[in-house]
Amino acid sequence: MSPEQFKPDQFKNDLKRVLSLIRTGQRYLEDGKVVELSALETKIADLCEQARTMAPDQRDEIAPLLAALTDELGQFETKMQQEYSDIQRQLRGISSTTQATNAYAQAARTK
C-alpha cells in the first residue's frame, strides 16, 4: 500500500477488529477454552505492514492506536503465561498423584 492509498478509517476499523480478537482470546483463556492465534497473528502482521508503508505524518496519526494494540498484546501475553503456568502446576500434580498411586499399587502387589 502506498502512502497515497492510506485510509485512516479503514486502518482504524481493522485495528478495532484485531483488538476485539485479542479480547475474545482473553475471554477464551479465562473460560479455559483453546485460543487460535494464527488468524490474530496474520491480522497483526497486515496492520504492521500497512503502518510501515505510511508516510511519517500518517504514522503519527495512528501511533496511539498502535500503542493501544501493544498494550493489549502485552496483557494477553501475561494472561497466556499465567494460564501456561497453571497448566504446568496441574500436570505436575497429576504426575505426582500417578506416581504415588503406582507406588502404592506396586507395594500392594509385593505383599
C-alpha atoms as a PDB file:
ATOM      1  CA  MET A   1       0.000   0.000   0.000  1.00  0.00           C
ATOM      2  CA  SER A   2       1.461   3.350  -0.960  1.00  0.00           C
ATOM      3  CA  PRO A   3       1.093   6.369   1.347  1.00  0.00           C
ATOM      4  CA  GLU A   4      -1.445   7.831  -1.074  1.00  0.00           C
ATOM      5  CA  GLN A   5      -3.683   4.798  -0.516  1.00  0.00           C
ATOM      6  CA  PHE A   6      -3.729   5.152   3.265  1.00  0.00           C
ATOM      7  CA  LYS A   7      -7.268   5.195   4.578  1.00  0.00           C
ATOM      8  CA  PRO A   8      -7.256   6.113   8.259  1.00  0.00           C
ATOM      9  CA  ASP A   9     -10.841   4.969   8.830  1.00  0.00           C
ATOM     10  CA  GLN A  10     -10.167   1.559   7.287  1.00  0.00           C
ATOM     11  CA  PHE A  11      -6.971   1.162   9.317  1.00  0.00           C
ATOM     12  CA  LYS A  12      -8.826   2.096  12.496  1.00  0.00           C
ATOM     13  CA  ASN A  13     -11.605  -0.382  11.700  1.00  0.00           C
ATOM     14  CA  ASP A  14      -9.062  -3.130  11.035  1.00  0.00           C
ATOM     15  CA  LEU A  15      -7.315  -2.303  14.286  1.00  0.00           C
ATOM     16  CA  LYS A  16     -10.598  -2.394  16.211  1.00  0.00           C
ATOM     17  CA  ARG A  17     -11.262  -5.874  14.797  1.00  0.00           C
ATOM     18  CA  VAL A  18      -7.842  -7.036  15.946  1.00  0.00           C
ATOM     19  CA  LEU A  19      -8.391  -5.580  19.412  1.00  0.00           C
ATOM     20  CA  SER A  20     -11.715  -7.400  19.518  1.00  0.00           C
ATOM     21  CA  LEU A  21      -9.988 -10.669  18.583  1.00  0.00           C
ATOM     22  CA  ILE A  22      -7.474 -10.144  21.386  1.00  0.00           C
ATOM     23  CA  ARG A  23     -10.225  -9.503  23.922  1.00  0.00           C
ATOM     24  CA  THR A  24     -12.117 -12.561  22.715  1.00  0.00           C
ATOM     25  CA  GLY A  25      -8.936 -14.589  23.124  1.00  0.00           C
ATOM     26  CA  GLN A  26      -8.590 -13.297  26.672  1.00  0.00           C
ATOM     27  CA  ARG A  27     -12.154 -14.363  27.467  1.00  0.00           C
ATOM     28  CA  TYR A  28     -11.487 -17.775  25.963  1.00  0.00           C
ATOM     29  CA  LEU A  29      -8.432 -18.159  28.179  1.00  0.00           C
ATOM     30  CA  GLU A  30     -10.446 -17.208  31.240  1.00  0.00           C
ATOM     31  CA  ASP A  31     -13.079 -19.803  30.277  1.00  0.00           C
ATOM     32  CA  GLY A  32     -10.440 -22.493  29.750  1.00  0.00           C
ATOM     33  CA  LYS A  33     -11.032 -22.668  26.006  1.00  0.00           C
ATOM     34  CA  VAL A  34      -8.455 -23.076  23.266  1.00  0.00           C
ATOM     35  CA  VAL A  35      -7.308 -19.849  21.636  1.00  0.00           C
ATOM     36  CA  GLU A  36      -6.427 -19.931  17.931  1.00  0.00           C
ATOM     37  CA  LEU A  37      -3.618 -17.454  17.390  1.00  0.00           C
ATOM     38  CA  SER A  38      -2.839 -17.867  13.679  1.00  0.00           C
ATOM     39  CA  ALA A  39      -5.629 -15.551  12.465  1.00  0.00           C
ATOM     40  CA  LEU A  40      -4.651 -12.951  15.040  1.00  0.00           C
ATOM     41  CA  GLU A  41      -1.008 -13.193  14.018  1.00  0.00           C
ATOM     42  CA  THR A  42      -1.894 -12.698  10.348  1.00  0.00           C
ATOM     43  CA  LYS A  43      -4.090  -9.684  11.042  1.00  0.00           C
ATOM     44  CA  ILE A  44      -1.428  -8.053  13.218  1.00  0.00           C
ATOM     45  CA  ALA A  45       1.199  -8.653  10.543  1.00  0.00           C
ATOM     46  CA  ASP A  46      -1.097  -6.982   7.988  1.00  0.00           C
ATOM     47  CA  LEU A  47      -1.556  -3.956  10.243  1.00  0.00           C
ATOM     48  CA  CYS A  48       2.183  -3.673  10.796  1.00  0.00           C
ATOM     49  CA  GLU A  49       2.823  -3.861   7.063  1.00  0.00           C
ATOM     50  CA  GLN A  50       0.280  -1.105   6.469  1.00  0.00           C
ATOM     51  CA  ALA A  51       1.936   1.034   9.141  1.00  0.00           C
ATOM     52  CA  ARG A  52       5.384   0.518   7.596  1.00  0.00           C
ATOM     53  CA  THR A  53       4.194   1.833   4.239  1.00  0.00           C
ATOM     54  CA  MET A  54       2.677   5.015   5.637  1.00  0.00           C
ATOM     55  CA  ALA A  55       4.129   8.456   5.399  1.00  0.00           C
ATOM     56  CA  PRO A  56       5.573   9.834   8.661  1.00  0.00           C
ATOM     57  CA  ASP A  57       2.601  12.147   9.298  1.00  0.00           C
ATOM     58  CA  GLN A  58       0.229   9.221   8.795  1.00  0.00           C
ATOM     59  CA  ARG A  59       2.232   7.111  11.255  1.00  0.00           C
ATOM     60  CA  ASP A  60       1.975   9.922  13.790  1.00  0.00           C
ATOM     61  CA  GLU A  61      -1.799   9.800  13.426  1.00  0.00           C
ATOM     62  CA  ILE A  62      -2.017   6.082  14.186  1.00  0.00           C
ATOM     63  CA  ALA A  63       0.773   5.876  16.784  1.00  0.00           C
ATOM     64  CA  PRO A  64      -1.663   5.997  19.744  1.00  0.00           C
ATOM     65  CA  LEU A  65      -3.692   3.198  18.171  1.00  0.00           C
ATOM     66  CA  LEU A  66      -0.621   1.028  17.751  1.00  0.00           C
ATOM     67  CA  ALA A  67       0.367   1.785  21.347  1.00  0.00           C
ATOM     68  CA  ALA A  68      -3.065   0.522  22.444  1.00  0.00           C
ATOM     69  CA  LEU A  69      -2.509  -2.616  20.382  1.00  0.00           C
ATOM     70  CA  THR A  70       0.866  -3.155  22.033  1.00  0.00           C
ATOM     71  CA  ASP A  71      -0.695  -2.767  25.480  1.00  0.00           C
ATOM     72  CA  GLU A  72      -3.485  -5.244  24.694  1.00  0.00           C
ATOM     73  CA  LEU A  73      -0.998  -7.761  23.337  1.00  0.00           C
ATOM     74  CA  GLY A  74       1.126  -7.368  26.471  1.00  0.00           C
ATOM     75  CA  GLN A  75      -1.870  -8.088  28.688  1.00  0.00           C
ATOM     76  CA  PHE A  76      -2.839 -11.048  26.528  1.00  0.00           C
ATOM     77  CA  GLU A  77       0.688 -12.434  26.724  1.00  0.00           C
ATOM     78  CA  THR A  78       0.667 -12.112  30.512  1.00  0.00           C
ATOM     79  CA  LYS A  79      -2.634 -13.992  30.749  1.00  0.00           C
ATOM     80  CA  MET A  80      -1.355 -16.708  28.435  1.00  0.00           C
ATOM     81  CA  GLN A  81       1.790 -17.129  30.530  1.00  0.00           C
ATOM     82  CA  GLN A  82      -0.310 -17.374  33.699  1.00  0.00           C
ATOM     83  CA  GLU A  83      -2.535 -19.984  32.091  1.00  0.00           C
ATOM     84  CA  TYR A  84       0.504 -21.959  30.938  1.00  0.00           C
ATOM     85  CA  SER A  85       1.955 -21.872  34.462  1.00  0.00           C
ATOM     86  CA  ASP A  86      -1.356 -23.057  35.908  1.00  0.00           C
ATOM     87  CA  ILE A  87      -1.481 -25.945  33.448  1.00  0.00           C
ATOM     88  CA  GLN A  88       2.099 -26.927  34.292  1.00  0.00           C
ATOM     89  CA  ARG A  89       1.249 -26.976  38.019  1.00  0.00           C
ATOM     90  CA  GLN A  90      -1.816 -29.117  37.368  1.00  0.00           C
ATOM     91  CA  LEU A  91       0.181 -31.550  35.265  1.00  0.00           C
ATOM     92  CA  ARG A  92       2.859 -31.841  37.955  1.00  0.00           C
ATOM     93  CA  GLY A  93       0.118 -32.582  40.470  1.00  0.00           C
ATOM     94  CA  ILE A  94      -1.351 -35.267  38.228  1.00  0.00           C
ATOM     95  CA  SER A  95       2.100 -36.750  37.689  1.00  0.00           C
ATOM     96  CA  SER A  96       2.778 -36.832  41.443  1.00  0.00           C
ATOM     97  CA  THR A  97      -0.590 -38.440  42.107  1.00  0.00           C
ATOM     98  CA  THR A  98       0.044 -41.034  39.412  1.00  0.00           C
ATOM     99  CA  GLN A  99       3.486 -41.816  40.825  1.00  0.00           C
ATOM    100  CA  ALA A 100       2.057 -42.226  44.318  1.00  0.00           C
ATOM    101  CA  THR A 101      -0.761 -44.440  43.060  1.00  0.00           C
ATOM    102  CA  ASN A 102       1.682 -46.611  41.125  1.00  0.00           C
ATOM    103  CA  ALA A 103       3.953 -46.898  44.158  1.00  0.00           C
ATOM    104  CA  TYR A 104       1.060 -47.974  46.390  1.00  0.00           C
ATOM    105  CA  ALA A 105      -0.102 -50.471  43.742  1.00  0.00           C
ATOM    106  CA  GLN A 106       3.397 -51.905  43.448  1.00  0.00           C
ATOM    107  CA  ALA A 107       3.692 -52.185  47.232  1.00  0.00           C
ATOM    108  CA  ALA A 108       0.311 -53.942  47.406  1.00  0.00           C
ATOM    109  CA  ARG A 109       1.358 -56.455  44.745  1.00  0.00           C
ATOM    110  CA  THR A 110       4.596 -57.345  46.511  1.00  0.00           C
ATOM    111  CA  LYS A 111       2.894 -58.190  49.820  1.00  0.00           C
END
